[in-house]
Amino acid sequence: MDIEEIKKIIIDQREEIDDTFKKKIIINREIPKEELLKSLEHPNILALLGVRRCGKSMLSHMLIRGRKYGYINFDDERVFGIEVEDLNNVLQAFYELYGTDLEYLILDEIQNVPGWELFANRLRRTKMVILTGSNAKLLSGELATHLTGRYVDFTLYPFCFKEFLELKGVKPDIYSTKSIAEIKNTLREYIKIGGFPEAHIFGKGMTTRIYEDIIHKDIISRYRIKNKKTFSDIARYLISNFSSEFTFSKLKNITDTKNVHTVKNYVEYLESSYLILPVKRFTFKLKEQMLAPRKVYCIDTGIINSIAFKFSEDIGKVMENLVAIELHRRKSYYGAAEVYYWKDHQQKEVDFVLKEGDAIKELIQVSYASSENDIEEREITALLKASEELNCGNLSIITWDYEGDIGNIKCLPLWKWLLMAPDFSNYSLKS
């Protein structure tokens, strides 16, 4: 690809970004921006990862807005098929457009260019580079080998509830009855639409398109999957059975796949593309943890609403899925606890076990309850049993609309819990 052609693409893409900043509401993302900016100074490469269309591109521009930088998006049909040998022409195009004193570069969806790693490694010696990618294994190859300790990665998620409220122009006041009613109505909308920024511009159909792009572009095409129907069936099954346990053997038996390792690979592809969030069962015995079923959650409740048939019937499970997303988001943004679930041989189950180091920090149940009487006895019994077995006294039930204490169990409405995100004061990114 010649330099003049590349320059035209760069200019078109930059104009589109500039128009977005001029014409659309730009939401302030609830992330550790200062830490991300520091990571650009040292070790010079910041990798913004996350599911397709969650806002990685806009965030990269927001971080260095006002500085002199070059930008190219490789998820553009005009640059499909670009070879690694052409990347030096991309750099030359930047120099011709913006000058040789260019300090910052944004390489968007760089994983679309095979062999890009050495190019990025060379760039970071003289530039501050932001890479974005829609695959968790972006940094698991040659770049990781060459850049040990010289890059920082950060996983971005679709809009959280606080960001969604800002998008809708809602300023929450937890002491105002009118404001609380508005918050709860907005929460219902957030659960149905989800957190993808474009879903609020173009409607529910965009969420379905994002899902299909993840399946076909990010997975089937990337991994050259031959049995496309079986893979798509497994993906749809997992999304439709959100907040439920699954095993590789069960997935094999409900499809025409003969090899359980193939099924395991398919699940790993879905996880690496951030479409699903598998959660392991907690046990002190590592072998039991590896063999136990996992629970599956979807990256976005809007996708569930578009794909799953039981969305409206399973509001409790939808709430649980939303809590799972938020817990994973907090782990990425704030360095919060690892996420597990718990279940004993009597089938008593706790939705979430939060672990920091060797200590269990909190046990959480999720219940679609509007009063204390709506909370089922089995949920309380399971919490108390897990509390005793795991030596954890910090017990919570996230409800729809009930706040209070049941013994030493704290109950908090979902809307309020979502607004109580930790701060960044003790968080530092790790390279």
Protein backbone atom coordinates (compact mmCIF):
# COMPACT_ATOMS: atom_id res chain seq x y z
CA MET A 1 0.00 0.00 0.00
CA ASP A 2 1.54 3.32 -1.06
CA ILE A 3 2.04 6.30 1.24
CA GLU A 4 -0.43 8.63 -0.49
CA GLU A 5 -3.22 6.09 -0.11
CA ILE A 6 -2.36 5.62 3.56
CA LYS A 7 -2.32 9.39 4.12
CA LYS A 8 -5.84 9.70 2.71
CA ILE A 9 -7.11 7.00 5.06
CA ILE A 10 -5.39 8.65 8.05
CA ILE A 11 -6.92 12.04 7.22
CA ASP A 12 -10.42 10.57 6.73
CA GLN A 13 -10.27 8.69 10.02
CA ARG A 14 -8.96 11.73 11.92
CA GLU A 15 -11.71 13.95 10.51
CA GLU A 16 -14.31 11.42 11.64
CA ILE A 17 -12.88 11.45 15.18
CA ASP A 18 -12.72 15.25 15.27
CA ASP A 19 -16.34 15.46 14.11
CA THR A 20 -17.35 13.10 16.92
CA PHE A 21 -15.75 15.37 19.52
CA LYS A 22 -17.51 18.39 18.02
CA LYS A 23 -20.99 16.96 17.50
CA LYS A 24 -21.56 14.32 20.17
CA ILE A 25 -21.65 14.18 23.94
CA ILE A 26 -18.34 12.83 25.17
CA ILE A 27 -18.79 10.84 28.37
CA ASN A 28 -16.19 11.11 31.08
CA ARG A 29 -15.08 7.50 31.64
CA GLU A 30 -14.78 6.34 35.25
CA ILE A 31 -11.18 5.16 34.91
CA PRO A 32 -7.75 5.99 36.43
CA LYS A 33 -6.80 8.50 33.71
CA GLU A 34 -3.76 9.91 35.51
CA GLU A 35 -2.29 6.45 35.95
CA LEU A 36 -2.87 5.67 32.28
CA LEU A 37 -1.15 8.88 31.20
CA LYS A 38 1.83 8.14 33.46
CA SER A 39 2.17 4.73 31.84
CA LEU A 40 2.72 6.46 28.50
CA GLU A 41 5.73 8.28 29.91
CA HIS A 42 7.15 5.03 31.21
CA PRO A 43 7.20 2.31 29.94
CA ASN A 44 5.95 4.02 26.72
CA ILE A 45 3.31 1.56 25.49
CA LEU A 46 -0.25 1.52 26.76
CA ALA A 47 -2.46 -1.31 25.49
CA LEU A 48 -6.17 -0.56 25.78
CA LEU A 49 -8.03 -3.86 25.55
CA GLY A 50 -11.69 -4.76 25.67
CA VAL A 51 -14.71 -5.97 23.77
CA ARG A 52 -15.36 -4.55 20.30
CA ARG A 53 -17.08 -1.10 20.27
CA CYS A 54 -16.79 -0.48 24.02
CA GLY A 55 -15.10 2.92 23.54
CA LYS A 56 -11.38 2.09 23.36
CA SER A 57 -10.76 4.36 20.37
CA MET A 58 -12.49 7.36 21.93
CA LEU A 59 -10.68 6.80 25.21
CA SER A 60 -7.30 6.74 23.46
CA HIS A 61 -8.09 10.12 21.85
CA MET A 62 -9.42 11.54 25.11
CA LEU A 63 -6.21 10.65 26.94
CA ILE A 64 -3.93 12.66 24.62
CA ARG A 65 -6.38 15.22 23.26
CA GLY A 66 -4.58 18.52 22.70
CA ARG A 67 -1.23 16.84 22.11
CA LYS A 68 0.40 16.21 18.75
CA TYR A 69 -0.35 12.64 17.70
CA GLY A 70 -0.93 10.32 14.78
CA TYR A 71 -3.84 7.89 14.55
CA ILE A 72 -4.80 5.00 12.30
CA ASN A 73 -7.56 2.44 12.72
CA PHE A 74 -6.79 -0.97 11.22
CA ASP A 75 -10.41 -2.11 11.61
CA ASP A 76 -11.20 -0.35 8.33
CA GLU A 77 -11.97 -2.20 5.11
CA ARG A 78 -9.57 0.09 3.22
CA VAL A 79 -6.61 -1.29 5.14
CA PHE A 80 -7.71 -4.93 5.33
CA GLY A 81 -4.91 -7.11 4.07
CA ILE A 82 -2.20 -4.59 4.93
CA GLU A 83 1.14 -6.34 5.41
CA VAL A 84 3.65 -5.79 8.18
CA GLU A 85 6.03 -4.40 5.52
CA ASP A 86 3.54 -1.55 4.97
CA LEU A 87 3.71 -0.38 8.57
CA ASN A 88 6.83 1.65 7.90
CA ASN A 89 4.84 3.48 5.21
CA VAL A 90 2.25 4.24 7.90
CA LEU A 91 4.97 5.84 10.02
CA GLN A 92 6.27 7.78 7.01
CA ALA A 93 2.72 9.00 6.30
CA PHE A 94 2.44 10.26 9.88
CA TYR A 95 5.71 12.17 9.51
CA GLU A 96 4.62 13.77 6.24
CA LEU A 97 1.26 14.79 7.68
CA TYR A 98 2.25 15.92 11.18
CA GLY A 99 6.02 16.43 11.17
CA THR A 100 8.95 14.36 12.37
CA ASP A 101 8.65 15.68 15.94
CA LEU A 102 5.51 13.56 16.47
CA GLU A 103 5.49 12.20 20.04
CA TYR A 104 2.32 10.11 20.33
CA LEU A 105 0.87 7.38 18.12
CA ILE A 106 -2.45 5.52 18.35
CA LEU A 107 -2.59 2.18 16.55
CA ASP A 108 -6.23 1.10 16.72
CA GLU A 109 -7.14 -2.62 16.47
CA ILE A 110 -3.52 -3.41 15.66
CA GLN A 111 -4.10 -7.17 15.95
CA ASN A 112 -5.53 -7.06 12.41
CA VAL A 113 -1.98 -6.77 11.06
CA PRO A 114 -0.05 -10.05 11.39
CA GLY A 115 3.49 -9.56 12.67
CA TRP A 116 2.87 -6.06 14.09
CA GLU A 117 4.76 -6.76 17.32
CA LEU A 118 8.31 -5.87 16.25
CA PHE A 119 7.07 -2.65 14.65
CA ALA A 120 5.48 -1.60 17.95
CA ASN A 121 8.63 -2.57 19.81
CA ARG A 122 10.68 -0.30 17.54
CA LEU A 123 8.23 2.60 17.88
CA ARG A 124 8.24 2.69 21.66
CA ARG A 125 11.96 3.57 21.71
CA THR A 126 11.20 7.08 20.39
CA LYS A 127 7.40 7.44 20.70
CA MET A 128 4.66 7.09 23.26
CA VAL A 129 2.33 4.49 21.81
CA ILE A 130 -1.28 3.56 22.51
CA LEU A 131 -2.40 0.21 21.11
CA THR A 132 -6.00 -0.91 21.15
CA GLY A 133 -7.26 -4.43 20.61
CA SER A 134 -10.36 -6.57 20.97
CA ASN A 135 -8.55 -9.71 22.03
CA ALA A 136 -7.14 -10.52 25.46
CA LYS A 137 -4.24 -12.39 23.83
CA LEU A 138 -3.01 -9.30 22.01
CA LEU A 139 0.02 -9.17 24.30
CA SER A 140 0.64 -12.88 24.70
CA GLY A 141 2.87 -13.31 21.68
CA GLU A 142 6.12 -11.82 20.49
CA LEU A 143 5.44 -8.35 21.88
CA ALA A 144 5.29 -9.71 25.42
CA THR A 145 8.62 -11.46 24.86
CA HIS A 146 10.32 -8.28 23.67
CA LEU A 147 8.58 -5.85 26.00
CA THR A 148 8.76 -7.48 29.43
CA GLY A 149 8.17 -4.63 31.89
CA ARG A 150 7.87 -2.07 29.07
CA TYR A 151 4.11 -1.91 28.55
CA VAL A 152 0.96 -1.52 30.59
CA ASP A 153 -2.37 -3.08 29.64
CA PHE A 154 -5.80 -1.88 30.71
CA THR A 155 -9.14 -3.54 30.00
CA LEU A 156 -12.01 -1.19 29.21
CA TYR A 157 -15.65 -2.22 29.58
CA PRO A 158 -18.85 -0.81 28.07
CA PHE A 159 -20.45 2.07 29.96
CA CYS A 160 -20.96 1.52 33.67
CA PHE A 161 -24.18 2.75 35.26
CA LYS A 162 -22.65 6.05 36.40
CA GLU A 163 -21.49 6.74 32.83
CA PHE A 164 -24.93 5.78 31.54
CA LEU A 165 -26.56 8.25 33.92
CA GLU A 166 -24.27 10.99 32.58
CA LEU A 167 -25.20 10.02 29.03
CA LYS A 168 -28.88 10.39 29.92
CA GLY A 169 -28.32 13.69 31.72
CA VAL A 170 -29.34 12.25 35.08
CA LYS A 171 -27.56 13.75 38.11
CA PRO A 172 -28.10 11.25 40.94
CA ASP A 173 -29.11 12.46 44.39
CA ILE A 174 -29.49 9.47 46.72
CA TYR A 175 -31.36 11.62 49.28
CA SER A 176 -34.07 12.82 46.90
CA THR A 177 -37.15 10.63 46.43
CA LYS A 178 -37.74 12.08 42.97
CA SER A 179 -34.12 11.51 41.97
CA ILE A 180 -34.16 7.92 43.25
CA ALA A 181 -37.25 7.18 41.12
CA GLU A 182 -35.46 8.62 38.09
CA ILE A 183 -32.34 6.57 38.87
CA LYS A 184 -34.35 3.33 39.09
CA ASN A 185 -36.17 4.04 35.83
CA THR A 186 -32.84 4.72 34.15
CA LEU A 187 -31.47 1.47 35.60
CA ARG A 188 -34.26 -0.47 33.91
CA GLU A 189 -33.33 1.18 30.62
CA TYR A 190 -29.63 0.47 31.21
CA ILE A 191 -30.35 -3.21 31.83
CA LYS A 192 -32.32 -3.51 28.58
CA ILE A 193 -30.05 -1.47 26.32
CA GLY A 194 -26.70 -2.29 27.94
CA GLY A 195 -23.55 -0.22 27.97
CA PHE A 196 -22.31 -0.14 24.37
CA PRO A 197 -22.05 3.56 23.43
CA GLU A 198 -23.40 3.03 19.89
CA ALA A 199 -26.48 1.18 21.15
CA HIS A 200 -27.75 4.51 22.50
CA ILE A 201 -27.19 6.25 19.19
CA PHE A 202 -28.44 3.63 16.74
CA GLY A 203 -30.72 1.50 18.92
CA LYS A 204 -30.99 -2.19 19.82
CA GLY A 205 -30.11 -3.32 16.30
CA MET A 206 -26.55 -2.05 16.80
CA THR A 207 -26.11 -4.40 19.77
CA THR A 208 -27.04 -7.37 17.58
CA ARG A 209 -24.59 -6.17 14.93
CA ILE A 210 -21.80 -5.87 17.52
CA TYR A 211 -22.51 -9.43 18.64
CA GLU A 212 -22.36 -10.71 15.06
CA ASP A 213 -19.12 -8.82 14.41
CA ILE A 214 -17.54 -10.37 17.49
CA ILE A 215 -18.62 -13.84 16.39
CA HIS A 216 -17.61 -13.54 12.75
CA LYS A 217 -14.79 -10.98 12.61
CA ASP A 218 -13.10 -11.36 15.98
CA ILE A 219 -13.40 -15.13 16.32
CA ILE A 220 -14.48 -17.18 13.28
CA SER A 221 -12.28 -15.22 10.87
CA ARG A 222 -9.38 -14.71 13.27
CA TYR A 223 -9.15 -18.35 14.36
CA ARG A 224 -10.25 -19.77 10.99
CA ILE A 225 -13.02 -21.85 12.50
CA LYS A 226 -14.34 -24.36 9.98
CA ASN A 227 -17.46 -25.55 11.79
CA LYS A 228 -19.07 -22.13 11.94
CA LYS A 229 -22.56 -23.33 12.83
CA THR A 230 -21.41 -25.40 15.82
CA PHE A 231 -19.33 -22.53 17.14
CA SER A 232 -22.22 -20.07 16.71
CA ASP A 233 -24.58 -22.51 18.45
CA ILE A 234 -22.23 -22.79 21.44
CA ALA A 235 -21.90 -19.01 21.66
CA ARG A 236 -25.66 -18.52 21.55
CA TYR A 237 -26.21 -21.30 24.11
CA LEU A 238 -23.81 -19.70 26.58
CA ILE A 239 -25.33 -16.25 26.14
CA SER A 240 -28.85 -17.67 26.51
CA ASN A 241 -27.84 -19.50 29.70
CA PHE A 242 -26.28 -16.48 31.36
CA SER A 243 -25.72 -16.63 35.13
CA SER A 244 -25.73 -20.44 34.95
CA GLU A 245 -23.20 -23.23 35.29
CA PHE A 246 -21.70 -24.97 32.30
CA THR A 247 -19.14 -27.69 31.58
CA PHE A 248 -17.17 -28.44 28.43
CA SER A 249 -18.61 -31.97 28.40
CA LYS A 250 -22.19 -30.67 28.45
CA LEU A 251 -21.45 -28.26 25.61
CA LYS A 252 -19.97 -31.13 23.62
CA ASN A 253 -23.06 -33.29 24.17
CA ILE A 254 -25.55 -30.65 23.03
CA THR A 255 -23.67 -30.07 19.75
CA ASP A 256 -22.24 -32.28 17.04
CA THR A 257 -18.69 -31.63 18.30
CA LYS A 258 -16.84 -34.87 18.95
CA ASN A 259 -13.83 -33.45 20.77
CA VAL A 260 -14.13 -31.74 24.15
CA HIS A 261 -10.85 -29.91 23.50
CA THR A 262 -12.46 -28.22 20.51
CA VAL A 263 -15.28 -27.02 22.77
CA LYS A 264 -12.74 -25.77 25.30
CA ASN A 265 -10.98 -23.82 22.55
CA TYR A 266 -14.27 -22.30 21.43
CA VAL A 267 -15.01 -21.10 24.98
CA GLU A 268 -11.51 -19.65 25.26
CA TYR A 269 -12.03 -17.74 22.00
CA LEU A 270 -15.27 -16.27 23.35
CA GLU A 271 -13.53 -15.28 26.57
CA SER A 272 -10.49 -13.82 24.80
CA SER A 273 -12.82 -11.66 22.70
CA TYR A 274 -14.46 -10.46 25.95
CA LEU A 275 -17.91 -11.67 24.92
CA ILE A 276 -18.28 -13.93 27.95
CA LEU A 277 -16.97 -13.78 31.51
CA PRO A 278 -16.53 -17.31 32.90
CA VAL A 279 -16.31 -17.47 36.70
CA LYS A 280 -14.71 -20.38 38.52
CA ARG A 281 -16.16 -22.10 41.58
CA PHE A 282 -14.18 -21.28 44.71
CA THR A 283 -12.62 -24.07 46.69
CA PHE A 284 -9.41 -24.30 48.68
CA LYS A 285 -8.47 -27.38 46.63
CA LEU A 286 -7.05 -26.40 43.26
CA LYS A 287 -7.91 -29.70 41.55
CA GLU A 288 -11.56 -29.42 42.61
CA GLN A 289 -11.65 -25.86 41.30
CA MET A 290 -10.32 -26.98 37.91
CA LEU A 291 -12.86 -29.81 37.61
CA ALA A 292 -15.91 -27.96 38.90
CA PRO A 293 -18.44 -26.36 36.52
CA ARG A 294 -18.01 -22.67 35.79
CA LYS A 295 -20.68 -20.00 35.63
CA VAL A 296 -20.97 -17.92 32.51
CA TYR A 297 -21.86 -14.24 32.24
CA CYS A 298 -22.18 -12.03 29.20
CA ILE A 299 -20.16 -8.82 28.81
CA ASP A 300 -23.33 -6.76 28.32
CA THR A 301 -26.97 -7.14 29.31
CA GLY A 302 -28.01 -5.49 26.04
CA ILE A 303 -26.52 -8.46 24.16
CA ILE A 304 -28.47 -10.80 26.44
CA ASN A 305 -31.65 -8.90 25.65
CA SER A 306 -30.92 -9.22 21.93
CA ILE A 307 -29.90 -12.89 21.94
CA ALA A 308 -31.51 -14.70 24.88
CA PHE A 309 -35.17 -15.74 24.82
CA LYS A 310 -35.58 -15.68 28.61
CA PHE A 311 -34.38 -12.13 29.31
CA SER A 312 -37.68 -10.71 30.60
CA GLU A 313 -38.45 -13.86 32.60
CA ASP A 314 -35.11 -14.01 34.42
CA ILE A 315 -34.74 -10.53 35.86
CA GLY A 316 -32.98 -11.96 38.92
CA LYS A 317 -30.38 -13.64 36.72
CA VAL A 318 -30.05 -10.47 34.62
CA MET A 319 -29.30 -8.56 37.83
CA GLU A 320 -26.72 -11.20 38.73
CA ASN A 321 -25.12 -10.83 35.30
CA LEU A 322 -24.97 -7.06 35.72
CA VAL A 323 -23.28 -7.46 39.11
CA ALA A 324 -20.76 -9.88 37.53
CA ILE A 325 -19.90 -7.29 34.85
CA GLU A 326 -19.45 -4.60 37.48
CA LEU A 327 -17.23 -6.79 39.66
CA HIS A 328 -14.99 -7.57 36.69
CA ARG A 329 -14.95 -3.87 35.76
CA ARG A 330 -13.87 -2.93 39.27
CA LYS A 331 -11.12 -5.50 39.17
CA SER A 332 -9.78 -3.91 35.98
CA TYR A 333 -10.31 -0.24 36.92
CA TYR A 334 -9.55 -0.27 40.64
CA GLY A 335 -7.48 -3.38 41.23
CA ALA A 336 -10.38 -4.88 43.19
CA ALA A 337 -10.83 -8.50 44.25
CA GLU A 338 -10.84 -11.65 42.13
CA VAL A 339 -14.32 -13.03 41.41
CA TYR A 340 -15.54 -16.58 42.12
CA TYR A 341 -18.78 -18.30 43.09
CA TRP A 342 -19.36 -20.91 45.82
CA LYS A 343 -21.40 -24.09 45.98
CA ASP A 344 -21.35 -27.01 48.40
CA HIS A 345 -22.37 -30.66 48.02
CA GLN A 346 -25.88 -29.81 49.29
CA GLN A 347 -26.25 -27.38 46.35
CA LYS A 348 -26.22 -24.30 48.59
CA GLU A 349 -24.87 -21.52 46.41
CA VAL A 350 -23.44 -18.02 46.84
CA ASP A 351 -23.36 -15.92 43.70
CA PHE A 352 -20.04 -14.17 44.27
CA VAL A 353 -16.95 -14.77 46.39
CA LEU A 354 -14.47 -11.89 46.36
CA LYS A 355 -10.88 -12.90 47.08
CA GLU A 356 -7.83 -10.72 47.70
CA GLY A 357 -4.59 -12.63 48.11
CA ASP A 358 -5.37 -15.58 50.35
CA ALA A 359 -8.27 -13.87 52.11
CA ILE A 360 -11.98 -13.95 51.28
CA LYS A 361 -13.09 -10.32 51.50
CA GLU A 362 -16.83 -10.50 50.78
CA LEU A 363 -19.68 -12.87 49.95
CA ILE A 364 -22.48 -11.52 47.76
CA GLN A 365 -25.93 -12.80 46.85
CA VAL A 366 -28.13 -11.13 44.25
CA SER A 367 -31.89 -11.18 44.73
CA TYR A 368 -34.76 -9.58 42.84
CA ALA A 369 -36.32 -8.45 46.11
CA SER A 370 -38.21 -5.29 47.00
CA SER A 371 -38.71 -6.17 50.67
CA GLU A 372 -37.12 -8.38 53.30
CA ASN A 373 -39.91 -10.94 52.83
CA ASP A 374 -39.00 -11.27 49.14
CA ILE A 375 -35.55 -12.61 49.98
CA GLU A 376 -35.65 -16.39 49.91
CA GLU A 377 -34.50 -18.31 52.97
CA ARG A 378 -32.17 -20.45 50.87
CA GLU A 379 -30.18 -17.36 49.87
CA ILE A 380 -29.63 -16.39 53.49
CA THR A 381 -28.85 -19.97 54.55
CA ALA A 382 -26.25 -20.32 51.79
CA LEU A 383 -24.58 -17.05 52.78
CA LEU A 384 -24.31 -18.14 56.41
CA LYS A 385 -22.99 -21.56 55.47
CA ALA A 386 -20.36 -20.08 53.15
CA SER A 387 -19.47 -17.49 55.77
CA GLU A 388 -18.64 -20.26 58.22
CA GLU A 389 -16.77 -22.42 55.73
CA LEU A 390 -14.77 -19.58 54.16
CA ASN A 391 -14.22 -17.60 57.38
CA CYS A 392 -15.73 -14.39 56.02
CA GLY A 393 -18.07 -12.14 57.97
CA ASN A 394 -18.60 -9.50 55.29
CA LEU A 395 -21.95 -10.63 53.86
CA SER A 396 -24.12 -8.75 51.36
CA ILE A 397 -27.33 -9.19 49.42
CA ILE A 398 -27.81 -6.89 46.44
CA THR A 399 -31.55 -6.42 45.99
CA TRP A 400 -33.78 -4.59 43.57
CA ASP A 401 -35.30 -2.19 46.07
CA TYR A 402 -34.67 -3.25 49.68
CA GLU A 403 -32.14 -1.74 52.06
CA GLY A 404 -31.56 -2.93 55.58
CA ASP A 405 -29.84 -5.56 57.72
CA ILE A 406 -30.79 -9.18 58.23
CA GLY A 407 -28.67 -10.16 61.19
CA ASN A 408 -25.11 -9.42 60.05
CA ILE A 409 -26.09 -9.45 56.35
CA LYS A 410 -26.22 -6.05 54.68
CA CYS A 411 -28.87 -5.56 52.01
CA LEU A 412 -28.42 -2.82 49.44
CA PRO A 413 -30.41 -1.89 46.32
CA LEU A 414 -28.67 -2.56 43.01
CA TRP A 415 -28.83 1.08 41.89
CA LYS A 416 -27.09 2.27 45.04
CA TRP A 417 -24.46 -0.48 44.91
CA LEU A 418 -23.64 0.45 41.30
CA LEU A 419 -23.07 4.07 42.35
CA MET A 420 -20.72 3.11 45.18
CA ALA A 421 -17.63 2.28 43.10
CA PRO A 422 -14.28 2.46 44.92
CA ASP A 423 -11.89 5.37 44.38
CA PHE A 424 -8.51 5.30 42.65
CA SER A 425 -6.44 6.49 45.62
CA ASN A 426 -4.62 3.22 46.28
CA TYR A 427 -4.52 1.93 42.72
CA SER A 428 -1.49 1.76 40.49
CA LEU A 429 -1.20 0.09 37.11
CA LYS A 430 1.29 -2.73 36.82
CA SER A 431 3.55 -3.33 33.86
